[in-house]
Amino acid sequence: MPEWTPLDLWRANWVGLALWRVARGEADWVPATAHDAPRGWTGTPPSGGRVDLPAFLPVRVPALPEAGIPGHDLRLWREAYRGLVRGMSPGERMALEAFLGRGRHSRLCYWHAPSKTFRLNFPEDVVGVLVRVARLAEPLDKPQDMG
């Protein structure tokens, strides 16, 4: 398995679920306010261009005490996500689209208690793409108690 930490894999599970819900029409990007807009956003459109207001996808990552991961919230900015997708190879884009187009959601991986490691439910190319997406997400708050 590539160099993915347990935190990378756990976050990718939940970012993948959030994106899958958007693809299915069950969730949507949340428009940013001036208070939480990304750094560098001025609120003015490029000359002659249309403004696409900043928006983010909130992602709740539950605690996984067995792996030492506290519960926390992430925010995935739509423009950062779109930029990553634009820069993907055709194969990576196909892997992401196949995951998001599934009729039923399945976790990317699961915690295997006896070995104290994650086991993959999807091929490494799919997991790798979603780990990259999850790494774009920024933590919103301090980790919560695992109790």
N, C-alpha and C. Protein backbone atom coordinates (compact mmCIF):
# COMPACT_ATOMS: atom_id res chain seq x y z
N MET A 1 0.85 -1.18 0.00
CA MET A 1 0.00 0.00 0.00
C MET A 1 0.89 1.24 0.00
N PRO A 2 0.55 2.23 -0.80
CA PRO A 2 1.34 3.47 -0.82
C PRO A 2 1.44 4.11 0.56
N GLU A 3 2.14 5.21 0.64
CA GLU A 3 2.38 5.90 1.91
C GLU A 3 1.15 6.68 2.39
N TRP A 4 0.16 5.95 2.84
CA TRP A 4 -1.04 6.58 3.38
C TRP A 4 -1.08 6.31 4.87
N THR A 5 -1.31 7.36 5.63
CA THR A 5 -1.43 7.19 7.07
C THR A 5 -2.86 6.74 7.39
N PRO A 6 -3.07 6.20 8.59
CA PRO A 6 -4.44 5.88 8.99
C PRO A 6 -5.36 7.11 8.91
N LEU A 7 -4.83 8.28 9.27
CA LEU A 7 -5.64 9.49 9.19
C LEU A 7 -6.02 9.80 7.74
N ASP A 8 -5.08 9.65 6.80
CA ASP A 8 -5.38 9.85 5.38
C ASP A 8 -6.53 8.96 4.93
N LEU A 9 -6.45 7.69 5.28
CA LEU A 9 -7.47 6.74 4.84
C LEU A 9 -8.82 7.01 5.50
N TRP A 10 -8.81 7.33 6.78
CA TRP A 10 -10.06 7.58 7.50
C TRP A 10 -10.74 8.84 6.95
N ARG A 11 -9.95 9.88 6.72
CA ARG A 11 -10.52 11.10 6.14
C ARG A 11 -11.04 10.84 4.73
N ALA A 12 -10.31 10.07 3.93
CA ALA A 12 -10.74 9.78 2.57
C ALA A 12 -12.09 9.06 2.56
N ASN A 13 -12.31 8.18 3.55
CA ASN A 13 -13.62 7.52 3.67
C ASN A 13 -14.74 8.54 3.74
N TRP A 14 -14.57 9.53 4.59
CA TRP A 14 -15.65 10.48 4.88
C TRP A 14 -15.74 11.57 3.83
N VAL A 15 -14.63 11.99 3.25
CA VAL A 15 -14.67 12.93 2.13
C VAL A 15 -15.32 12.25 0.94
N GLY A 16 -14.99 10.98 0.72
CA GLY A 16 -15.61 10.22 -0.37
C GLY A 16 -17.12 10.13 -0.20
N LEU A 17 -17.58 9.88 1.02
CA LEU A 17 -19.02 9.83 1.28
C LEU A 17 -19.67 11.18 1.00
N ALA A 18 -19.05 12.26 1.45
CA ALA A 18 -19.61 13.60 1.23
C ALA A 18 -19.71 13.91 -0.27
N LEU A 19 -18.67 13.60 -1.03
CA LEU A 19 -18.69 13.84 -2.48
C LEU A 19 -19.71 12.94 -3.17
N TRP A 20 -19.83 11.71 -2.73
CA TRP A 20 -20.82 10.78 -3.28
C TRP A 20 -22.23 11.33 -3.06
N ARG A 21 -22.47 11.89 -1.87
CA ARG A 21 -23.78 12.47 -1.58
C ARG A 21 -24.06 13.68 -2.48
N VAL A 22 -23.04 14.49 -2.77
CA VAL A 22 -23.21 15.61 -3.71
C VAL A 22 -23.55 15.07 -5.10
N ALA A 23 -22.82 14.06 -5.55
CA ALA A 23 -23.05 13.48 -6.87
C ALA A 23 -24.46 12.91 -6.99
N ARG A 24 -25.01 12.41 -5.90
CA ARG A 24 -26.36 11.82 -5.88
C ARG A 24 -27.45 12.86 -5.66
N GLY A 25 -27.07 14.11 -5.41
CA GLY A 25 -28.07 15.16 -5.16
C GLY A 25 -28.59 15.17 -3.73
N GLU A 26 -27.92 14.47 -2.83
CA GLU A 26 -28.34 14.40 -1.43
C GLU A 26 -27.70 15.49 -0.57
N ALA A 27 -26.70 16.15 -1.10
CA ALA A 27 -25.99 17.22 -0.38
C ALA A 27 -25.53 18.23 -1.43
N ASP A 28 -25.09 19.38 -0.96
CA ASP A 28 -24.61 20.40 -1.88
C ASP A 28 -23.49 21.19 -1.22
N TRP A 29 -22.75 21.91 -2.06
CA TRP A 29 -21.70 22.80 -1.58
C TRP A 29 -22.35 23.94 -0.82
N VAL A 30 -21.73 24.39 0.25
CA VAL A 30 -22.25 25.47 1.08
C VAL A 30 -21.57 26.77 0.68
N PRO A 31 -22.37 27.79 0.28
CA PRO A 31 -21.74 29.07 -0.09
C PRO A 31 -21.00 29.68 1.10
N ALA A 32 -19.84 30.22 0.82
CA ALA A 32 -19.03 30.83 1.87
C ALA A 32 -19.53 32.23 2.16
N THR A 33 -19.36 32.65 3.39
CA THR A 33 -19.63 34.03 3.76
C THR A 33 -18.30 34.77 3.72
N ALA A 34 -18.37 36.09 3.84
CA ALA A 34 -17.13 36.87 3.86
C ALA A 34 -16.23 36.43 5.00
N HIS A 35 -16.83 35.97 6.09
CA HIS A 35 -16.08 35.53 7.27
C HIS A 35 -15.26 34.27 7.01
N ASP A 36 -15.84 33.31 6.28
CA ASP A 36 -15.12 32.05 6.10
C ASP A 36 -14.61 31.82 4.68
N ALA A 37 -14.61 32.85 3.85
CA ALA A 37 -14.10 32.72 2.48
C ALA A 37 -12.60 32.38 2.51
N PRO A 38 -12.13 31.67 1.49
CA PRO A 38 -10.71 31.30 1.48
C PRO A 38 -9.81 32.52 1.37
N ARG A 39 -8.59 32.36 1.86
CA ARG A 39 -7.61 33.44 1.78
C ARG A 39 -7.41 33.87 0.34
N GLY A 40 -7.30 35.17 0.14
CA GLY A 40 -7.06 35.68 -1.19
C GLY A 40 -8.32 35.98 -1.98
N TRP A 41 -9.49 35.57 -1.48
CA TRP A 41 -10.73 35.85 -2.21
C TRP A 41 -11.13 37.28 -1.95
N THR A 42 -11.30 38.06 -3.02
CA THR A 42 -11.60 39.48 -2.87
C THR A 42 -13.08 39.78 -3.00
N GLY A 43 -13.85 38.86 -3.55
CA GLY A 43 -15.27 39.10 -3.74
C GLY A 43 -15.59 39.82 -5.03
N THR A 44 -14.57 40.12 -5.82
CA THR A 44 -14.81 40.80 -7.09
C THR A 44 -14.50 39.84 -8.23
N PRO A 45 -15.34 39.86 -9.27
CA PRO A 45 -15.12 38.94 -10.39
C PRO A 45 -13.94 39.37 -11.24
N PRO A 46 -13.30 38.41 -11.91
CA PRO A 46 -12.28 38.80 -12.88
C PRO A 46 -12.98 39.59 -13.98
N SER A 47 -12.29 40.52 -14.60
CA SER A 47 -12.92 41.39 -15.59
C SER A 47 -13.57 40.55 -16.69
N GLY A 48 -14.85 40.84 -16.91
CA GLY A 48 -15.59 40.15 -17.95
C GLY A 48 -16.00 38.74 -17.60
N GLY A 49 -15.61 38.26 -16.44
CA GLY A 49 -15.95 36.89 -16.06
C GLY A 49 -17.14 36.84 -15.12
N ARG A 50 -17.69 35.66 -15.00
CA ARG A 50 -18.81 35.47 -14.08
C ARG A 50 -18.24 35.05 -12.74
N VAL A 51 -18.90 35.48 -11.69
CA VAL A 51 -18.43 35.14 -10.35
C VAL A 51 -19.02 33.81 -9.93
N ASP A 52 -18.16 32.92 -9.52
CA ASP A 52 -18.60 31.67 -8.91
C ASP A 52 -18.21 31.80 -7.44
N LEU A 53 -19.19 32.13 -6.63
CA LEU A 53 -18.90 32.39 -5.22
C LEU A 53 -18.20 31.18 -4.59
N PRO A 54 -17.27 31.44 -3.70
CA PRO A 54 -16.61 30.32 -3.02
C PRO A 54 -17.64 29.48 -2.26
N ALA A 55 -17.43 28.20 -2.30
CA ALA A 55 -18.30 27.28 -1.58
C ALA A 55 -17.44 26.13 -1.07
N PHE A 56 -17.92 25.50 -0.02
CA PHE A 56 -17.18 24.39 0.56
C PHE A 56 -18.12 23.24 0.88
N LEU A 57 -17.54 22.10 1.05
CA LEU A 57 -18.27 20.91 1.45
C LEU A 57 -17.86 20.58 2.88
N PRO A 58 -18.80 20.69 3.83
CA PRO A 58 -18.44 20.32 5.20
C PRO A 58 -18.38 18.79 5.31
N VAL A 59 -17.37 18.31 6.00
CA VAL A 59 -17.18 16.86 6.16
C VAL A 59 -16.96 16.56 7.62
N ARG A 60 -17.84 15.76 8.19
CA ARG A 60 -17.71 15.30 9.57
C ARG A 60 -16.92 14.00 9.57
N VAL A 61 -15.81 13.98 10.29
CA VAL A 61 -14.97 12.79 10.40
C VAL A 61 -15.12 12.27 11.83
N PRO A 62 -15.83 11.15 12.01
CA PRO A 62 -16.01 10.64 13.37
C PRO A 62 -14.72 10.09 13.96
N ALA A 63 -14.70 10.01 15.26
CA ALA A 63 -13.53 9.45 15.95
C ALA A 63 -13.37 7.97 15.62
N LEU A 64 -12.13 7.54 15.60
CA LEU A 64 -11.80 6.12 15.50
C LEU A 64 -10.75 5.87 16.58
N PRO A 65 -11.20 5.70 17.82
CA PRO A 65 -10.26 5.57 18.94
C PRO A 65 -9.24 4.45 18.76
N GLU A 66 -9.64 3.36 18.13
CA GLU A 66 -8.72 2.23 17.94
C GLU A 66 -7.48 2.62 17.14
N ALA A 67 -7.62 3.62 16.28
CA ALA A 67 -6.50 4.07 15.46
C ALA A 67 -5.91 5.38 15.99
N GLY A 68 -6.44 5.85 17.13
CA GLY A 68 -5.94 7.09 17.72
C GLY A 68 -6.39 8.34 16.96
N ILE A 69 -7.51 8.24 16.27
CA ILE A 69 -8.00 9.37 15.49
C ILE A 69 -9.19 10.01 16.19
N PRO A 70 -9.05 11.27 16.61
CA PRO A 70 -10.18 11.96 17.23
C PRO A 70 -11.18 12.43 16.17
N GLY A 71 -12.42 12.62 16.58
CA GLY A 71 -13.42 13.18 15.67
C GLY A 71 -13.07 14.62 15.34
N HIS A 72 -13.35 15.04 14.13
CA HIS A 72 -13.08 16.41 13.71
C HIS A 72 -13.88 16.74 12.47
N ASP A 73 -13.92 18.00 12.13
CA ASP A 73 -14.63 18.47 10.95
C ASP A 73 -13.64 19.03 9.95
N LEU A 74 -13.95 18.83 8.67
CA LEU A 74 -13.12 19.33 7.58
C LEU A 74 -13.96 20.22 6.68
N ARG A 75 -13.28 21.03 5.91
CA ARG A 75 -13.94 21.86 4.90
C ARG A 75 -13.14 21.68 3.61
N LEU A 76 -13.84 21.20 2.57
CA LEU A 76 -13.24 21.01 1.25
C LEU A 76 -13.76 22.13 0.36
N TRP A 77 -12.85 22.99 -0.10
CA TRP A 77 -13.23 24.09 -0.97
C TRP A 77 -13.50 23.58 -2.38
N ARG A 78 -14.62 24.01 -2.94
CA ARG A 78 -15.04 23.57 -4.27
C ARG A 78 -13.98 23.89 -5.33
N GLU A 79 -13.41 25.09 -5.30
CA GLU A 79 -12.45 25.46 -6.33
C GLU A 79 -11.17 24.62 -6.22
N ALA A 80 -10.72 24.32 -5.01
CA ALA A 80 -9.55 23.46 -4.84
C ALA A 80 -9.84 22.06 -5.39
N TYR A 81 -11.04 21.57 -5.11
CA TYR A 81 -11.46 20.25 -5.62
C TYR A 81 -11.50 20.26 -7.15
N ARG A 82 -12.12 21.29 -7.72
CA ARG A 82 -12.20 21.38 -9.19
C ARG A 82 -10.81 21.46 -9.81
N GLY A 83 -9.93 22.22 -9.18
CA GLY A 83 -8.56 22.34 -9.69
C GLY A 83 -7.84 21.00 -9.69
N LEU A 84 -8.02 20.24 -8.62
CA LEU A 84 -7.40 18.92 -8.54
C LEU A 84 -7.95 18.02 -9.64
N VAL A 85 -9.27 18.03 -9.81
CA VAL A 85 -9.89 17.18 -10.83
C VAL A 85 -9.40 17.57 -12.23
N ARG A 86 -9.30 18.87 -12.49
CA ARG A 86 -8.81 19.34 -13.80
C ARG A 86 -7.40 18.83 -14.07
N GLY A 87 -6.58 18.72 -13.04
CA GLY A 87 -5.20 18.29 -13.20
C GLY A 87 -4.99 16.79 -13.18
N MET A 88 -6.06 16.02 -13.00
CA MET A 88 -5.94 14.56 -12.95
C MET A 88 -5.73 13.97 -14.33
N SER A 89 -5.08 12.83 -14.34
CA SER A 89 -4.96 12.08 -15.58
C SER A 89 -6.34 11.51 -15.93
N PRO A 90 -6.54 11.12 -17.20
CA PRO A 90 -7.83 10.52 -17.55
C PRO A 90 -8.16 9.29 -16.69
N GLY A 91 -7.16 8.48 -16.38
CA GLY A 91 -7.40 7.30 -15.55
C GLY A 91 -7.85 7.66 -14.14
N GLU A 92 -7.21 8.68 -13.56
CA GLU A 92 -7.60 9.12 -12.22
C GLU A 92 -9.02 9.67 -12.23
N ARG A 93 -9.34 10.44 -13.26
CA ARG A 93 -10.69 11.01 -13.37
C ARG A 93 -11.73 9.90 -13.52
N MET A 94 -11.39 8.89 -14.30
CA MET A 94 -12.32 7.75 -14.46
C MET A 94 -12.52 7.01 -13.14
N ALA A 95 -11.45 6.84 -12.37
CA ALA A 95 -11.56 6.16 -11.08
C ALA A 95 -12.47 6.95 -10.13
N LEU A 96 -12.31 8.27 -10.11
CA LEU A 96 -13.15 9.12 -9.27
C LEU A 96 -14.60 9.07 -9.73
N GLU A 97 -14.82 9.19 -11.03
CA GLU A 97 -16.19 9.16 -11.56
C GLU A 97 -16.86 7.82 -11.29
N ALA A 98 -16.12 6.73 -11.39
CA ALA A 98 -16.68 5.41 -11.12
C ALA A 98 -17.11 5.30 -9.66
N PHE A 99 -16.29 5.82 -8.76
CA PHE A 99 -16.65 5.79 -7.34
C PHE A 99 -17.89 6.65 -7.08
N LEU A 100 -17.88 7.88 -7.61
CA LEU A 100 -19.00 8.80 -7.36
C LEU A 100 -20.28 8.35 -8.05
N GLY A 101 -20.17 7.57 -9.12
CA GLY A 101 -21.34 7.13 -9.86
C GLY A 101 -21.97 5.85 -9.34
N ARG A 102 -21.40 5.28 -8.31
CA ARG A 102 -21.96 4.03 -7.76
C ARG A 102 -23.36 4.29 -7.21
N GLY A 103 -24.25 3.35 -7.42
CA GLY A 103 -25.61 3.47 -6.91
C GLY A 103 -25.70 3.38 -5.40
N ARG A 104 -24.79 2.66 -4.81
CA ARG A 104 -24.78 2.49 -3.36
C ARG A 104 -23.39 2.82 -2.84
N HIS A 105 -23.34 3.57 -1.77
CA HIS A 105 -22.03 3.94 -1.23
C HIS A 105 -21.41 2.79 -0.45
N SER A 106 -20.13 2.64 -0.59
CA SER A 106 -19.34 1.70 0.20
C SER A 106 -18.11 2.44 0.69
N ARG A 107 -17.67 2.12 1.88
CA ARG A 107 -16.45 2.73 2.41
C ARG A 107 -15.25 2.31 1.57
N LEU A 108 -14.31 3.23 1.48
CA LEU A 108 -13.06 2.93 0.76
C LEU A 108 -12.25 1.86 1.47
N CYS A 109 -12.28 1.92 2.80
CA CYS A 109 -11.49 1.00 3.60
C CYS A 109 -12.14 0.84 4.96
N TYR A 110 -11.69 -0.14 5.70
CA TYR A 110 -12.23 -0.37 7.04
C TYR A 110 -11.08 -0.71 7.98
N TRP A 111 -11.30 -0.44 9.26
CA TRP A 111 -10.31 -0.72 10.29
C TRP A 111 -10.37 -2.20 10.62
N HIS A 112 -9.25 -2.88 10.49
CA HIS A 112 -9.14 -4.30 10.81
C HIS A 112 -8.50 -4.41 12.19
N ALA A 113 -9.32 -4.62 13.20
CA ALA A 113 -8.86 -4.59 14.59
C ALA A 113 -7.73 -5.58 14.90
N PRO A 114 -7.82 -6.85 14.45
CA PRO A 114 -6.73 -7.78 14.80
C PRO A 114 -5.35 -7.33 14.32
N SER A 115 -5.28 -6.75 13.12
CA SER A 115 -3.97 -6.32 12.61
C SER A 115 -3.67 -4.86 12.90
N LYS A 116 -4.67 -4.14 13.42
CA LYS A 116 -4.54 -2.72 13.73
C LYS A 116 -4.10 -1.91 12.50
N THR A 117 -4.71 -2.24 11.38
CA THR A 117 -4.44 -1.55 10.12
C THR A 117 -5.76 -1.39 9.35
N PHE A 118 -5.71 -0.56 8.33
CA PHE A 118 -6.85 -0.44 7.44
C PHE A 118 -6.72 -1.47 6.32
N ARG A 119 -7.86 -1.97 5.90
CA ARG A 119 -7.95 -2.85 4.74
C ARG A 119 -8.76 -2.13 3.68
N LEU A 120 -8.33 -2.22 2.44
CA LEU A 120 -9.00 -1.51 1.36
C LEU A 120 -10.19 -2.29 0.82
N ASN A 121 -11.26 -1.57 0.51
CA ASN A 121 -12.44 -2.14 -0.14
C ASN A 121 -12.46 -1.83 -1.64
N PHE A 122 -11.55 -0.96 -2.08
CA PHE A 122 -11.49 -0.54 -3.47
C PHE A 122 -10.05 -0.67 -3.96
N PRO A 123 -9.86 -0.68 -5.27
CA PRO A 123 -8.49 -0.71 -5.80
C PRO A 123 -7.70 0.52 -5.36
N GLU A 124 -6.39 0.37 -5.32
CA GLU A 124 -5.51 1.46 -4.87
C GLU A 124 -5.66 2.74 -5.68
N ASP A 125 -5.98 2.64 -6.98
CA ASP A 125 -6.11 3.86 -7.76
C ASP A 125 -7.30 4.70 -7.29
N VAL A 126 -8.40 4.06 -6.94
CA VAL A 126 -9.57 4.77 -6.43
C VAL A 126 -9.25 5.38 -5.07
N VAL A 127 -8.68 4.59 -4.19
CA VAL A 127 -8.33 5.07 -2.86
C VAL A 127 -7.33 6.22 -2.96
N GLY A 128 -6.35 6.07 -3.81
CA GLY A 128 -5.33 7.11 -3.98
C GLY A 128 -5.91 8.45 -4.41
N VAL A 129 -6.85 8.43 -5.34
CA VAL A 129 -7.48 9.66 -5.80
C VAL A 129 -8.24 10.32 -4.64
N LEU A 130 -8.97 9.53 -3.87
CA LEU A 130 -9.75 10.11 -2.77
C LEU A 130 -8.87 10.54 -1.60
N VAL A 131 -7.74 9.91 -1.41
CA VAL A 131 -6.78 10.40 -0.41
C VAL A 131 -6.26 11.76 -0.84
N ARG A 132 -5.96 11.92 -2.13
CA ARG A 132 -5.51 13.23 -2.63
C ARG A 132 -6.57 14.30 -2.42
N VAL A 133 -7.81 13.97 -2.69
CA VAL A 133 -8.90 14.93 -2.48
C VAL A 133 -9.00 15.26 -0.99
N ALA A 134 -8.96 14.24 -0.14
CA ALA A 134 -9.10 14.46 1.30
C ALA A 134 -7.96 15.32 1.85
N ARG A 135 -6.79 15.21 1.27
CA ARG A 135 -5.65 16.03 1.72
C ARG A 135 -5.85 17.51 1.42
N LEU A 136 -6.75 17.83 0.49
CA LEU A 136 -7.08 19.23 0.20
C LEU A 136 -7.95 19.85 1.30
N ALA A 137 -8.70 19.01 2.00
CA ALA A 137 -9.65 19.51 3.00
C ALA A 137 -8.89 20.07 4.21
N GLU A 138 -9.39 21.17 4.71
CA GLU A 138 -8.75 21.80 5.86
C GLU A 138 -9.55 21.54 7.14
N PRO A 139 -8.86 21.30 8.24
CA PRO A 139 -9.56 21.09 9.51
C PRO A 139 -10.27 22.39 9.95
N LEU A 140 -11.47 22.23 10.46
CA LEU A 140 -12.26 23.37 10.91
C LEU A 140 -12.06 23.69 12.38
N ASP A 141 -11.72 22.70 13.14
CA ASP A 141 -11.68 22.90 14.58
C ASP A 141 -10.62 22.01 15.20
N LYS A 142 -10.52 22.14 16.49
CA LYS A 142 -9.60 21.27 17.22
C LYS A 142 -10.23 19.89 17.33
N PRO A 143 -9.40 18.84 17.37
CA PRO A 143 -9.94 17.49 17.52
C PRO A 143 -10.83 17.39 18.76
N GLN A 144 -11.86 16.57 18.61
CA GLN A 144 -12.81 16.37 19.71
C GLN A 144 -12.41 15.15 20.52
N ASP A 145 -12.94 15.09 21.71
CA ASP A 145 -12.67 13.98 22.61
C ASP A 145 -13.11 12.67 21.96
N MET A 146 -12.29 11.65 22.10
CA MET A 146 -12.62 10.35 21.50
C MET A 146 -13.53 9.54 22.40
N GLY A 147 -13.91 10.05 23.55
CA GLY A 147 -14.70 9.29 24.50
C GLY A 147 -16.11 9.17 24.20
